[in-house]
């Protein structure tokens, strides 16, 4: 089993920054991809950004140029630096890990991000 714990969410004013973290623990070995997803009320969960085991990144169009995803493999930690936040970025943000060896997916419990004045 793999456990994921997100942190860093909160209330931020429009235009402000916020940094999310996700720490992985448990049976996480070998190569694995990591990503951030979000789900706003009444909407489906959507991709925010992913980073592969080879450090290749991909972003949703709505977050390109404003968000930066990164990972620290030694710490088994995923980050999401969010800048120029907009009210439409308000959602619960989830961390996901996919093990390359088994293709099993694991999700964190989510952290709330609210962008409001």
PDB file of N, CA and C in Angstrom:
ATOM      1  N   UNK A   1       0.823  -1.199   0.000  1.00  0.00           N
ATOM      2  CA  UNK A   1       0.000   0.000   0.000  1.00  0.00           C
ATOM      3  C   UNK A   1       0.856   1.247   0.000  1.00  0.00           C
ATOM      4  N   UNK A   2       0.315   2.271  -0.628  1.00  0.00           N
ATOM      5  CA  UNK A   2       0.980   3.572  -0.671  1.00  0.00           C
ATOM      6  C   UNK A   2       0.046   4.583  -0.019  1.00  0.00           C
ATOM      7  N   UNK A   3       0.598   5.384   0.853  1.00  0.00           N
ATOM      8  CA  UNK A   3      -0.171   6.439   1.500  1.00  0.00           C
ATOM      9  C   UNK A   3       0.317   7.792   0.985  1.00  0.00           C
ATOM     10  N   UNK A   4      -0.631   8.677   0.727  1.00  0.00           N
ATOM     11  CA  UNK A   4      -0.311  10.017   0.248  1.00  0.00           C
ATOM     12  C   UNK A   4      -0.989  11.033   1.155  1.00  0.00           C
ATOM     13  N   UNK A   5      -0.225  12.005   1.591  1.00  0.00           N
ATOM     14  CA  UNK A   5      -0.767  13.041   2.466  1.00  0.00           C
ATOM     15  C   UNK A   5      -0.466  14.406   1.872  1.00  0.00           C
ATOM     16  N   UNK A   6      -1.536  15.115   1.502  1.00  0.00           N
ATOM     17  CA  UNK A   6      -1.384  16.461   0.952  1.00  0.00           C
ATOM     18  C   UNK A   6      -1.432  17.493   2.067  1.00  0.00           C
ATOM     19  N   UNK A   7      -0.804  18.631   1.811  1.00  0.00           N
ATOM     20  CA  UNK A   7      -0.856  19.759   2.737  1.00  0.00           C
ATOM     21  C   UNK A   7      -0.623  21.041   1.961  1.00  0.00           C
ATOM     22  N   UNK A   8      -0.912  22.166   2.619  1.00  0.00           N
ATOM     23  CA  UNK A   8      -0.637  23.458   2.008  1.00  0.00           C
ATOM     24  C   UNK A   8      -1.846  24.199   1.492  1.00  0.00           C
ATOM     25  N   UNK A   9      -2.998  23.559   1.513  1.00  0.00           N
ATOM     26  CA  UNK A   9      -4.194  24.236   1.044  1.00  0.00           C
ATOM     27  C   UNK A   9      -4.634  25.329   2.000  1.00  0.00           C
ATOM     28  N   UNK A  10      -5.600  26.133   1.550  1.00  0.00           N
ATOM     29  CA  UNK A  10      -6.098  27.201   2.402  1.00  0.00           C
ATOM     30  C   UNK A  10      -6.824  28.251   1.595  1.00  0.00           C
ATOM     31  N   UNK A  11      -7.050  29.380   2.246  1.00  0.00           N
ATOM     32  CA  UNK A  11      -7.733  30.515   1.622  1.00  0.00           C
ATOM     33  C   UNK A  11      -6.691  31.515   1.148  1.00  0.00           C
ATOM     34  N   UNK A  12      -6.804  31.945  -0.095  1.00  0.00           N
ATOM     35  CA  UNK A  12      -5.858  32.900  -0.659  1.00  0.00           C
ATOM     36  C   UNK A  12      -6.628  33.895  -1.518  1.00  0.00           C
ATOM     37  N   UNK A  13      -6.141  35.117  -1.573  1.00  0.00           N
ATOM     38  CA  UNK A  13      -6.787  36.142  -2.388  1.00  0.00           C
ATOM     39  C   UNK A  13      -6.450  35.960  -3.858  1.00  0.00           C
ATOM     40  N   UNK A  14      -7.321  36.401  -4.737  1.00  0.00           N
ATOM     41  CA  UNK A  14      -7.005  36.321  -6.178  1.00  0.00           C
ATOM     42  C   UNK A  14      -5.678  36.997  -6.484  1.00  0.00           C
ATOM     43  N   UNK A  15      -4.902  36.344  -7.325  1.00  0.00           N
ATOM     44  CA  UNK A  15      -3.587  36.848  -7.674  1.00  0.00           C
ATOM     45  C   UNK A  15      -2.478  36.363  -6.768  1.00  0.00           C
ATOM     46  N   UNK A  16      -2.834  35.742  -5.676  1.00  0.00           N
ATOM     47  CA  UNK A  16      -1.844  35.298  -4.709  1.00  0.00           C
ATOM     48  C   UNK A  16      -1.261  33.937  -5.032  1.00  0.00           C
ATOM     49  N   UNK A  17      -0.217  33.544  -4.282  1.00  0.00           N
ATOM     50  CA  UNK A  17       0.417  32.241  -4.477  1.00  0.00           C
ATOM     51  C   UNK A  17       0.028  31.260  -3.372  1.00  0.00           C
ATOM     52  N   UNK A  18       0.266  29.996  -3.683  1.00  0.00           N
ATOM     53  CA  UNK A  18       0.059  28.939  -2.702  1.00  0.00           C
ATOM     54  C   UNK A  18       0.905  27.757  -3.150  1.00  0.00           C
ATOM     55  N   UNK A  19       1.446  27.037  -2.196  1.00  0.00           N
ATOM     56  CA  UNK A  19       2.258  25.869  -2.522  1.00  0.00           C
ATOM     57  C   UNK A  19       1.694  24.648  -1.829  1.00  0.00           C
ATOM     58  N   UNK A  20       1.405  23.632  -2.628  1.00  0.00           N
ATOM     59  CA  UNK A  20       0.916  22.367  -2.104  1.00  0.00           C
ATOM     60  C   UNK A  20       2.049  21.345  -2.052  1.00  0.00           C
ATOM     61  N   UNK A  21       1.949  20.460  -1.070  1.00  0.00           N
ATOM     62  CA  UNK A  21       2.905  19.360  -0.950  1.00  0.00           C
ATOM     63  C   UNK A  21       2.153  18.057  -0.801  1.00  0.00           C
ATOM     64  N   UNK A  22       2.787  16.980  -1.240  1.00  0.00           N
ATOM     65  CA  UNK A  22       2.211  15.640  -1.100  1.00  0.00           C
ATOM     66  C   UNK A  22       3.356  14.693  -0.757  1.00  0.00           C
ATOM     67  N   UNK A  23       3.271  14.089   0.407  1.00  0.00           N
ATOM     68  CA  UNK A  23       4.303  13.162   0.853  1.00  0.00           C
ATOM     69  C   UNK A  23       3.808  11.734   0.693  1.00  0.00           C
ATOM     70  N   UNK A  24       4.615  10.926   0.035  1.00  0.00           N
ATOM     71  CA  UNK A  24       4.278   9.509  -0.184  1.00  0.00           C
ATOM     72  C   UNK A  24       5.027   8.629   0.806  1.00  0.00           C
ATOM     73  N   UNK A  25       4.356   7.590   1.262  1.00  0.00           N
ATOM     74  CA  UNK A  25       4.989   6.626   2.155  1.00  0.00           C
ATOM     75  C   UNK A  25       4.404   5.253   1.885  1.00  0.00           C
ATOM     76  N   UNK A  26       5.037   4.250   2.490  1.00  0.00           N
ATOM     77  CA  UNK A  26       4.561   2.881   2.297  1.00  0.00           C
ATOM     78  C   UNK A  26       5.340   2.169   1.202  1.00  0.00           C
ATOM     79  N   UNK A  27       4.650   1.292   0.493  1.00  0.00           N
ATOM     80  CA  UNK A  27       5.289   0.428  -0.503  1.00  0.00           C
ATOM     81  C   UNK A  27       5.436   1.131  -1.848  1.00  0.00           C
ATOM     82  N   UNK A  28       6.226   2.190  -1.845  1.00  0.00           N
ATOM     83  CA  UNK A  28       6.441   2.924  -3.089  1.00  0.00           C
ATOM     84  C   UNK A  28       7.892   2.728  -3.488  1.00  0.00           C
ATOM     85  N   UNK A  29       8.080   1.869  -4.512  1.00  0.00           N
ATOM     86  CA  UNK A  29       9.413   1.522  -4.959  1.00  0.00           C
ATOM     87  C   UNK A  29       9.469   1.600  -6.469  1.00  0.00           C
ATOM     88  N   UNK A  30      10.682   1.673  -6.962  1.00  0.00           N
ATOM     89  CA  UNK A  30      10.859   1.694  -8.404  1.00  0.00           C
ATOM     90  C   UNK A  30      10.405   2.999  -9.023  1.00  0.00           C
ATOM     91  N   UNK A  31       9.973   2.903 -10.267  1.00  0.00           N
ATOM     92  CA  UNK A  31       9.569   4.092 -11.009  1.00  0.00           C
ATOM     93  C   UNK A  31       8.084   4.381 -10.781  1.00  0.00           C
ATOM     94  N   UNK A  32       7.770   5.652 -10.603  1.00  0.00           N
ATOM     95  CA  UNK A  32       6.372   6.010 -10.433  1.00  0.00           C
ATOM     96  C   UNK A  32       6.139   7.431 -10.932  1.00  0.00           C
ATOM     97  N   UNK A  33       4.980   7.644 -11.487  1.00  0.00           N
ATOM     98  CA  UNK A  33       4.567   8.961 -11.941  1.00  0.00           C
ATOM     99  C   UNK A  33       3.700   9.608 -10.865  1.00  0.00           C
ATOM    100  N   UNK A  34       3.731  10.929 -10.808  1.00  0.00           N
ATOM    101  CA  UNK A  34       2.972  11.647  -9.795  1.00  0.00           C
ATOM    102  C   UNK A  34       2.195  12.782 -10.452  1.00  0.00           C
ATOM    103  N   UNK A  35       1.083  13.130  -9.863  1.00  0.00           N
ATOM    104  CA  UNK A  35       0.305  14.194 -10.461  1.00  0.00           C
ATOM    105  C   UNK A  35      -0.627  14.871  -9.477  1.00  0.00           C
ATOM    106  N   UNK A  36      -1.086  16.030  -9.870  1.00  0.00           N
ATOM    107  CA  UNK A  36      -2.106  16.774  -9.126  1.00  0.00           C
ATOM    108  C   UNK A  36      -3.380  16.837  -9.950  1.00  0.00           C
ATOM    109  N   UNK A  37      -4.477  16.622  -9.264  1.00  0.00           N
ATOM    110  CA  UNK A  37      -5.792  16.729  -9.870  1.00  0.00           C
ATOM    111  C   UNK A  37      -6.634  17.606  -8.960  1.00  0.00           C
ATOM    112  N   UNK A  38      -7.743  18.100  -9.488  1.00  0.00           N
ATOM    113  CA  UNK A  38      -8.610  18.911  -8.648  1.00  0.00           C
ATOM    114  C   UNK A  38     -10.076  18.656  -9.007  1.00  0.00           C
ATOM    115  N   UNK A  39     -10.917  18.913  -8.018  1.00  0.00           N
ATOM    116  CA  UNK A  39     -12.349  18.733  -8.226  1.00  0.00           C
ATOM    117  C   UNK A  39     -13.088  19.877  -7.557  1.00  0.00           C
ATOM    118  N   UNK A  40     -13.779  20.652  -8.376  1.00  0.00           N
ATOM    119  CA  UNK A  40     -14.597  21.745  -7.872  1.00  0.00           C
ATOM    120  C   UNK A  40     -16.014  21.234  -7.616  1.00  0.00           C
ATOM    121  N   UNK A  41     -16.763  21.916  -6.778  1.00  0.00           N
ATOM    122  CA  UNK A  41     -18.131  21.465  -6.485  1.00  0.00           C
ATOM    123  C   UNK A  41     -18.969  21.338  -7.750  1.00  0.00           C
ATOM    124  N   UNK A  42     -19.626  20.195  -7.901  1.00  0.00           N
ATOM    125  CA  UNK A  42     -20.490  19.964  -9.053  1.00  0.00           C
ATOM    126  C   UNK A  42     -19.763  19.648 -10.342  1.00  0.00           C
ATOM    127  N   UNK A  43     -18.444  19.504 -10.275  1.00  0.00           N
ATOM    128  CA  UNK A  43     -17.665  19.216 -11.477  1.00  0.00           C
ATOM    129  C   UNK A  43     -16.896  17.914 -11.316  1.00  0.00           C
ATOM    130  N   UNK A  44     -16.457  17.385 -12.466  1.00  0.00           N
ATOM    131  CA  UNK A  44     -15.652  16.164 -12.430  1.00  0.00           C
ATOM    132  C   UNK A  44     -14.219  16.489 -12.039  1.00  0.00           C
ATOM    133  N   UNK A  45     -13.546  15.491 -11.521  1.00  0.00           N
ATOM    134  CA  UNK A  45     -12.129  15.652 -11.199  1.00  0.00           C
ATOM    135  C   UNK A  45     -11.358  15.834 -12.494  1.00  0.00           C
ATOM    136  N   UNK A  46     -10.399  16.771 -12.479  1.00  0.00           N
ATOM    137  CA  UNK A  46      -9.645  17.064 -13.688  1.00  0.00           C
ATOM    138  C   UNK A  46      -8.155  17.128 -13.402  1.00  0.00           C
ATOM    139  N   UNK A  47      -7.384  16.894 -14.442  1.00  0.00           N
ATOM    140  CA  UNK A  47      -5.929  16.976 -14.345  1.00  0.00           C
ATOM    141  C   UNK A  47      -5.500  18.421 -14.139  1.00  0.00           C
ATOM    142  N   UNK A  48      -4.548  18.612 -13.248  1.00  0.00           N
ATOM    143  CA  UNK A  48      -3.895  19.912 -13.078  1.00  0.00           C
ATOM    144  C   UNK A  48      -2.508  19.861 -13.721  1.00  0.00           C
ATOM    145  N   UNK A  49      -1.715  18.880 -13.286  1.00  0.00           N
ATOM    146  CA  UNK A  49      -0.365  18.729 -13.809  1.00  0.00           C
ATOM    147  C   UNK A  49       0.170  17.371 -13.396  1.00  0.00           C
ATOM    148  N   UNK A  50       1.065  16.822 -14.215  1.00  0.00           N
ATOM    149  CA  UNK A  50       1.714  15.561 -13.878  1.00  0.00           C
ATOM    150  C   UNK A  50       3.206  15.684 -14.120  1.00  0.00           C
ATOM    151  N   UNK A  51       3.962  14.850 -13.418  1.00  0.00           N
ATOM    152  CA  UNK A  51       5.397  14.742 -13.649  1.00  0.00           C
ATOM    153  C   UNK A  51       5.748  13.258 -13.617  1.00  0.00           C
ATOM    154  N   UNK A  52       6.393  12.799 -14.667  1.00  0.00           N
ATOM    155  CA  UNK A  52       6.714  11.376 -14.763  1.00  0.00           C
ATOM    156  C   UNK A  52       7.968  11.047 -13.964  1.00  0.00           C
ATOM    157  N   UNK A  53       8.257   9.748 -13.891  1.00  0.00           N
ATOM    158  CA  UNK A  53       9.469   9.325 -13.203  1.00  0.00           C
ATOM    159  C   UNK A  53      10.706   9.883 -13.893  1.00  0.00           C
ATOM    160  N   UNK A  54      10.587  10.194 -15.168  1.00  0.00           N
ATOM    161  CA  UNK A  54      11.692  10.781 -15.917  1.00  0.00           C
ATOM    162  C   UNK A  54      11.673  12.300 -15.929  1.00  0.00           C
ATOM    163  N   UNK A  55      10.867  12.886 -15.055  1.00  0.00           N
ATOM    164  CA  UNK A  55      10.792  14.341 -14.874  1.00  0.00           C
ATOM    165  C   UNK A  55      10.168  15.068 -16.061  1.00  0.00           C
ATOM    166  N   UNK A  56       9.392  14.369 -16.845  1.00  0.00           N
ATOM    167  CA  UNK A  56       8.640  15.028 -17.915  1.00  0.00           C
ATOM    168  C   UNK A  56       7.347  15.568 -17.321  1.00  0.00           C
ATOM    169  N   UNK A  57       7.056  16.822 -17.610  1.00  0.00           N
ATOM    170  CA  UNK A  57       5.871  17.454 -17.035  1.00  0.00           C
ATOM    171  C   UNK A  57       4.816  17.729 -18.101  1.00  0.00           C
ATOM    172  N   UNK A  58       3.584  17.774 -17.639  1.00  0.00           N
ATOM    173  CA  UNK A  58       2.482  18.115 -18.522  1.00  0.00           C
ATOM    174  C   UNK A  58       1.454  18.876 -17.697  1.00  0.00           C
ATOM    175  N   UNK A  59       0.879  19.904 -18.291  1.00  0.00           N
ATOM    176  CA  UNK A  59      -0.054  20.766 -17.573  1.00  0.00           C
ATOM    177  C   UNK A  59      -1.379  20.886 -18.321  1.00  0.00           C
ATOM    178  N   UNK A  60      -2.432  21.094 -17.540  1.00  0.00           N
ATOM    179  CA  UNK A  60      -3.696  21.464 -18.147  1.00  0.00           C
ATOM    180  C   UNK A  60      -3.548  22.866 -18.739  1.00  0.00           C
ATOM    181  N   UNK A  61      -4.271  23.137 -19.809  1.00  0.00           N
ATOM    182  CA  UNK A  61      -4.168  24.452 -20.449  1.00  0.00           C
ATOM    183  C   UNK A  61      -4.482  25.578 -19.469  1.00  0.00           C
ATOM    184  N   UNK A  62      -5.397  25.315 -18.559  1.00  0.00           N
ATOM    185  CA  UNK A  62      -5.840  26.357 -17.625  1.00  0.00           C
ATOM    186  C   UNK A  62      -4.785  26.705 -16.579  1.00  0.00           C
ATOM    187  N   UNK A  63      -3.752  25.859 -16.448  1.00  0.00           N
ATOM    188  CA  UNK A  63      -2.744  26.111 -15.419  1.00  0.00           C
ATOM    189  C   UNK A  63      -1.359  26.416 -15.986  1.00  0.00           C
ATOM    190  N   UNK A  64      -1.209  26.262 -17.291  1.00  0.00           N
ATOM    191  CA  UNK A  64       0.096  26.544 -17.905  1.00  0.00           C
ATOM    192  C   UNK A  64       0.518  27.982 -17.670  1.00  0.00           C
ATOM    193  N   UNK A  65       1.780  28.137 -17.292  1.00  0.00           N
ATOM    194  CA  UNK A  65       2.316  29.465 -17.068  1.00  0.00           C
ATOM    195  C   UNK A  65       2.057  30.034 -15.689  1.00  0.00           C
ATOM    196  N   UNK A  66       1.146  29.389 -14.946  1.00  0.00           N
ATOM    197  CA  UNK A  66       0.841  29.861 -13.593  1.00  0.00           C
ATOM    198  C   UNK A  66       1.258  28.850 -12.528  1.00  0.00           C
ATOM    199  N   UNK A  67       1.147  27.568 -12.848  1.00  0.00           N
ATOM    200  CA  UNK A  67       1.472  26.503 -11.891  1.00  0.00           C
ATOM    201  C   UNK A  67       2.760  25.813 -12.307  1.00  0.00           C
ATOM    202  N   UNK A  68       3.495  25.337 -11.311  1.00  0.00           N
ATOM    203  CA  UNK A  68       4.709  24.575 -11.564  1.00  0.00           C
ATOM    204  C   UNK A  68       4.696  23.324 -10.690  1.00  0.00           C
ATOM    205  N   UNK A  69       4.804  22.174 -11.332  1.00  0.00           N
ATOM    206  CA  UNK A  69       4.860  20.909 -10.608  1.00  0.00           C
ATOM    207  C   UNK A  69       6.317  20.463 -10.510  1.00  0.00           C
ATOM    208  N   UNK A  70       6.670  19.896  -9.362  1.00  0.00           N
ATOM    209  CA  UNK A  70       8.019  19.380  -9.173  1.00  0.00           C
ATOM    210  C   UNK A  70       7.976  18.245  -8.158  1.00  0.00           C
ATOM    211  N   UNK A  71       9.044  17.482  -8.127  1.00  0.00           N
ATOM    212  CA  UNK A  71       9.122  16.356  -7.201  1.00  0.00           C
ATOM    213  C   UNK A  71      10.527  16.230  -6.644  1.00  0.00           C
ATOM    214  N   UNK A  72      10.600  15.738  -5.421  1.00  0.00           N
ATOM    215  CA  UNK A  72      11.864  15.438  -4.764  1.00  0.00           C
ATOM    216  C   UNK A  72      11.842  13.945  -4.485  1.00  0.00           C
ATOM    217  N   UNK A  73      12.539  13.186  -5.303  1.00  0.00           N
ATOM    218  CA  UNK A  73      12.479  11.732  -5.185  1.00  0.00           C
ATOM    219  C   UNK A  73      13.082  11.233  -3.865  1.00  0.00           C
ATOM    220  N   UNK A  74      14.101  11.903  -3.395  1.00  0.00           N
ATOM    221  CA  UNK A  74      14.724  11.481  -2.140  1.00  0.00           C
ATOM    222  C   UNK A  74      13.739  11.599  -0.978  1.00  0.00           C
ATOM    223  N   UNK A  75      12.909  12.623  -1.027  1.00  0.00           N
ATOM    224  CA  UNK A  75      11.917  12.839   0.027  1.00  0.00           C
ATOM    225  C   UNK A  75      10.569  12.229  -0.317  1.00  0.00           C
ATOM    226  N   UNK A  76      10.445  11.653  -1.510  1.00  0.00           N
ATOM    227  CA  UNK A  76       9.176  11.086  -1.975  1.00  0.00           C
ATOM    228  C   UNK A  76       8.059  12.117  -1.830  1.00  0.00           C
ATOM    229  N   UNK A  77       8.343  13.311  -2.277  1.00  0.00           N
ATOM    230  CA  UNK A  77       7.423  14.427  -2.116  1.00  0.00           C
ATOM    231  C   UNK A  77       7.156  15.103  -3.451  1.00  0.00           C
ATOM    232  N   UNK A  78       5.895  15.433  -3.641  1.00  0.00           N
ATOM    233  CA  UNK A  78       5.441  16.132  -4.828  1.00  0.00           C
ATOM    234  C   UNK A  78       5.010  17.530  -4.419  1.00  0.00           C
ATOM    235  N   UNK A  79       5.303  18.503  -5.273  1.00  0.00           N
ATOM    236  CA  UNK A  79       4.950  19.883  -4.987  1.00  0.00           C
ATOM    237  C   UNK A  79       4.124  20.477  -6.125  1.00  0.00           C
ATOM    238  N   UNK A  80       3.349  21.487  -5.785  1.00  0.00           N
ATOM    239  CA  UNK A  80       2.651  22.271  -6.798  1.00  0.00           C
ATOM    240  C   UNK A  80       2.721  23.734  -6.371  1.00  0.00           C
ATOM    241  N   UNK A  81       3.515  24.504  -7.073  1.00  0.00           N
ATOM    242  CA  UNK A  81       3.579  25.933  -6.829  1.00  0.00           C
ATOM    243  C   UNK A  81       2.534  26.601  -7.702  1.00  0.00           C
ATOM    244  N   UNK A  82       1.607  27.280  -7.059  1.00  0.00           N
ATOM    245  CA  UNK A  82       0.511  27.923  -7.780  1.00  0.00           C
ATOM    246  C   UNK A  82       0.641  29.433  -7.623  1.00  0.00           C
ATOM    247  N   UNK A  83       0.750  30.119  -8.721  1.00  0.00           N
ATOM    248  CA  UNK A  83       0.840  31.577  -8.734  1.00  0.00           C
ATOM    249  C   UNK A  83      -0.330  32.170  -9.504  1.00  0.00           C
ATOM    250  N   UNK A  84      -0.550  33.454  -9.299  1.00  0.00           N
ATOM    251  CA  UNK A  84      -1.623  34.164 -10.004  1.00  0.00           C
ATOM    252  C   UNK A  84      -2.940  33.403  -9.903  1.00  0.00           C
ATOM    253  N   UNK A  85      -3.284  33.015  -8.708  1.00  0.00           N
ATOM    254  CA  UNK A  85      -4.489  32.204  -8.514  1.00  0.00           C
ATOM    255  C   UNK A  85      -5.752  32.978  -8.851  1.00  0.00           C
ATOM    256  N   UNK A  86      -6.716  32.243  -9.383  1.00  0.00           N
ATOM    257  CA  UNK A  86      -7.995  32.808  -9.795  1.00  0.00           C
ATOM    258  C   UNK A  86      -9.121  32.127  -9.013  1.00  0.00           C
ATOM    259  N   UNK A  87     -10.249  32.797  -8.879  1.00  0.00           N
ATOM    260  CA  UNK A  87     -11.377  32.158  -8.176  1.00  0.00           C
ATOM    261  C   UNK A  87     -11.750  30.799  -8.775  1.00  0.00           C
ATOM    262  N   UNK A  88     -11.577  30.650 -10.080  1.00  0.00           N
ATOM    263  CA  UNK A  88     -11.911  29.379 -10.719  1.00  0.00           C
ATOM    264  C   UNK A  88     -10.922  28.266 -10.400  1.00  0.00           C
ATOM    265  N   UNK A  89      -9.861  28.583  -9.704  1.00  0.00           N
ATOM    266  CA  UNK A  89      -8.938  27.547  -9.236  1.00  0.00           C
ATOM    267  C   UNK A  89      -9.424  26.917  -7.923  1.00  0.00           C
ATOM    268  N   UNK A  90     -10.478  27.453  -7.371  1.00  0.00           N
ATOM    269  CA  UNK A  90     -11.029  26.913  -6.134  1.00  0.00           C
ATOM    270  C   UNK A  90     -11.497  25.475  -6.332  1.00  0.00           C
ATOM    271  N   UNK A  91     -10.977  24.577  -5.514  1.00  0.00           N
ATOM    272  CA  UNK A  91     -11.294  23.151  -5.643  1.00  0.00           C
ATOM    273  C   UNK A  91     -10.589  22.385  -4.529  1.00  0.00           C
ATOM    274  N   UNK A  92     -10.927  21.113  -4.435  1.00  0.00           N
ATOM    275  CA  UNK A  92     -10.139  20.203  -3.620  1.00  0.00           C
ATOM    276  C   UNK A  92      -9.051  19.634  -4.529  1.00  0.00           C
ATOM    277  N   UNK A  93      -7.819  19.739  -4.088  1.00  0.00           N
ATOM    278  CA  UNK A  93      -6.681  19.278  -4.876  1.00  0.00           C
ATOM    279  C   UNK A  93      -6.203  17.932  -4.335  1.00  0.00           C
ATOM    280  N   UNK A  94      -6.049  16.992  -5.260  1.00  0.00           N
ATOM    281  CA  UNK A  94      -5.657  15.638  -4.909  1.00  0.00           C
ATOM    282  C   UNK A  94      -4.321  15.276  -5.536  1.00  0.00           C
ATOM    283  N   UNK A  95      -3.562  14.517  -4.800  1.00  0.00           N
ATOM    284  CA  UNK A  95      -2.291  13.974  -5.278  1.00  0.00           C
ATOM    285  C   UNK A  95      -2.533  12.534  -5.733  1.00  0.00           C
ATOM    286  N   UNK A  96      -1.893  12.136  -6.823  1.00  0.00           N
ATOM    287  CA  UNK A  96      -2.008  10.769  -7.318  1.00  0.00           C
ATOM    288  C   UNK A  96      -0.633  10.220  -7.668  1.00  0.00           C
ATOM    289  N   UNK A  97      -0.458   8.949  -7.355  1.00  0.00           N
ATOM    290  CA  UNK A  97       0.761   8.234  -7.716  1.00  0.00           C
ATOM    291  C   UNK A  97       0.382   7.015  -8.543  1.00  0.00           C
ATOM    292  N   UNK A  98       1.115   6.760  -9.616  1.00  0.00           N
ATOM    293  CA  UNK A  98       0.923   5.564 -10.437  1.00  0.00           C
ATOM    294  C   UNK A  98       2.242   4.813 -10.476  1.00  0.00           C
ATOM    295  N   UNK A  99       2.220   3.569  -9.993  1.00  0.00           N
ATOM    296  CA  UNK A  99       3.425   2.742 -10.015  1.00  0.00           C
ATOM    297  C   UNK A  99       3.622   2.176 -11.409  1.00  0.00           C
ATOM    298  N   UNK A 100       4.792   2.397 -11.974  1.00  0.00           N
ATOM    299  CA  UNK A 100       5.045   1.910 -13.332  1.00  0.00           C
ATOM    300  C   UNK A 100       5.024   0.377 -13.396  1.00  0.00           C
ATOM    301  N   UNK A 101       5.437  -0.271 -12.318  1.00  0.00           N
ATOM    302  CA  UNK A 101       5.573  -1.734 -12.344  1.00  0.00           C
ATOM    303  C   UNK A 101       4.222  -2.441 -12.393  1.00  0.00           C
ATOM    304  N   UNK A 102       3.215  -1.868 -11.730  1.00  0.00           N
ATOM    305  CA  UNK A 102       1.911  -2.526 -11.623  1.00  0.00           C
ATOM    306  C   UNK A 102       0.776  -1.691 -12.202  1.00  0.00           C
ATOM    307  N   UNK A 103       1.043  -0.438 -12.497  1.00  0.00           N
ATOM    308  CA  UNK A 103       0.038   0.518 -12.966  1.00  0.00           C
ATOM    309  C   UNK A 103      -1.046   0.777 -11.923  1.00  0.00           C
ATOM    310  N   UNK A 104      -0.787   0.405 -10.680  1.00  0.00           N
ATOM    311  CA  UNK A 104      -1.737   0.701  -9.615  1.00  0.00           C
ATOM    312  C   UNK A 104      -1.696   2.189  -9.306  1.00  0.00           C
ATOM    313  N   UNK A 105      -2.868   2.725  -8.999  1.00  0.00           N
ATOM    314  CA  UNK A 105      -2.997   4.138  -8.708  1.00  0.00           C
ATOM    315  C   UNK A 105      -3.364   4.335  -7.245  1.00  0.00           C
ATOM    316  N   UNK A 106      -2.819   5.371  -6.663  1.00  0.00           N
ATOM    317  CA  UNK A 106      -3.130   5.725  -5.285  1.00  0.00           C
ATOM    318  C   UNK A 106      -3.454   7.213  -5.219  1.00  0.00           C
ATOM    319  N   UNK A 107      -4.437   7.535  -4.385  1.00  0.00           N
ATOM    320  CA  UNK A 107      -4.878   8.914  -4.236  1.00  0.00           C
ATOM    321  C   UNK A 107      -4.709   9.370  -2.785  1.00  0.00           C
ATOM    322  N   UNK A 108      -4.439  10.657  -2.634  1.00  0.00           N
ATOM    323  CA  UNK A 108      -4.452  11.257  -1.317  1.00  0.00           C
ATOM    324  C   UNK A 108      -5.867  11.648  -0.936  1.00  0.00           C
ATOM    325  N   UNK A 109      -6.001  12.206   0.256  1.00  0.00           N
ATOM    326  CA  UNK A 109      -7.324  12.544   0.762  1.00  0.00           C
ATOM    327  C   UNK A 109      -7.804  13.914   0.280  1.00  0.00           C
ATOM    328  N   UNK A 110      -6.906  14.692  -0.276  1.00  0.00           N
ATOM    329  CA  UNK A 110      -7.255  15.993  -0.822  1.00  0.00           C
ATOM    330  C   UNK A 110      -7.020  17.135   0.149  1.00  0.00           C
ATOM    331  N   UNK A 111      -6.772  18.304  -0.419  1.00  0.00           N
ATOM    332  CA  UNK A 111      -6.617  19.515   0.377  1.00  0.00           C
ATOM    333  C   UNK A 111      -7.392  20.644  -0.310  1.00  0.00           C
ATOM    334  N   UNK A 112      -8.129  21.389   0.478  1.00  0.00           N
ATOM    335  CA  UNK A 112      -9.009  22.424  -0.077  1.00  0.00           C
ATOM    336  C   UNK A 112      -8.219  23.682  -0.397  1.00  0.00           C
ATOM    337  N   UNK A 113      -8.422  24.201  -1.593  1.00  0.00           N
ATOM    338  CA  UNK A 113      -7.867  25.492  -1.999  1.00  0.00           C
ATOM    339  C   UNK A 113      -9.045  26.408  -2.349  1.00  0.00           C
ATOM    340  N   UNK A 114      -9.101  27.542  -1.682  1.00  0.00           N
ATOM    341  CA  UNK A 114     -10.166  28.504  -1.928  1.00  0.00           C
ATOM    342  C   UNK A 114      -9.549  29.840  -2.304  1.00  0.00           C
ATOM    343  N   UNK A 115      -9.920  30.345  -3.468  1.00  0.00           N
ATOM    344  CA  UNK A 115      -9.406  31.622  -3.944  1.00  0.00           C
ATOM    345  C   UNK A 115     -10.565  32.615  -3.909  1.00  0.00           C
ATOM    346  N   UNK A 116     -10.463  33.563  -2.985  1.00  0.00           N
ATOM    347  CA  UNK A 116     -11.559  34.500  -2.785  1.00  0.00           C
ATOM    348  C   UNK A 116     -11.057  35.739  -2.070  1.00  0.00           C
ATOM    349  N   UNK A 117     -11.684  36.865  -2.376  1.00  0.00           N
ATOM    350  CA  UNK A 117     -11.348  38.112  -1.686  1.00  0.00           C
ATOM    351  C   UNK A 117     -12.283  38.326  -0.495  1.00  0.00           C
TER     352      UNK A 117
END
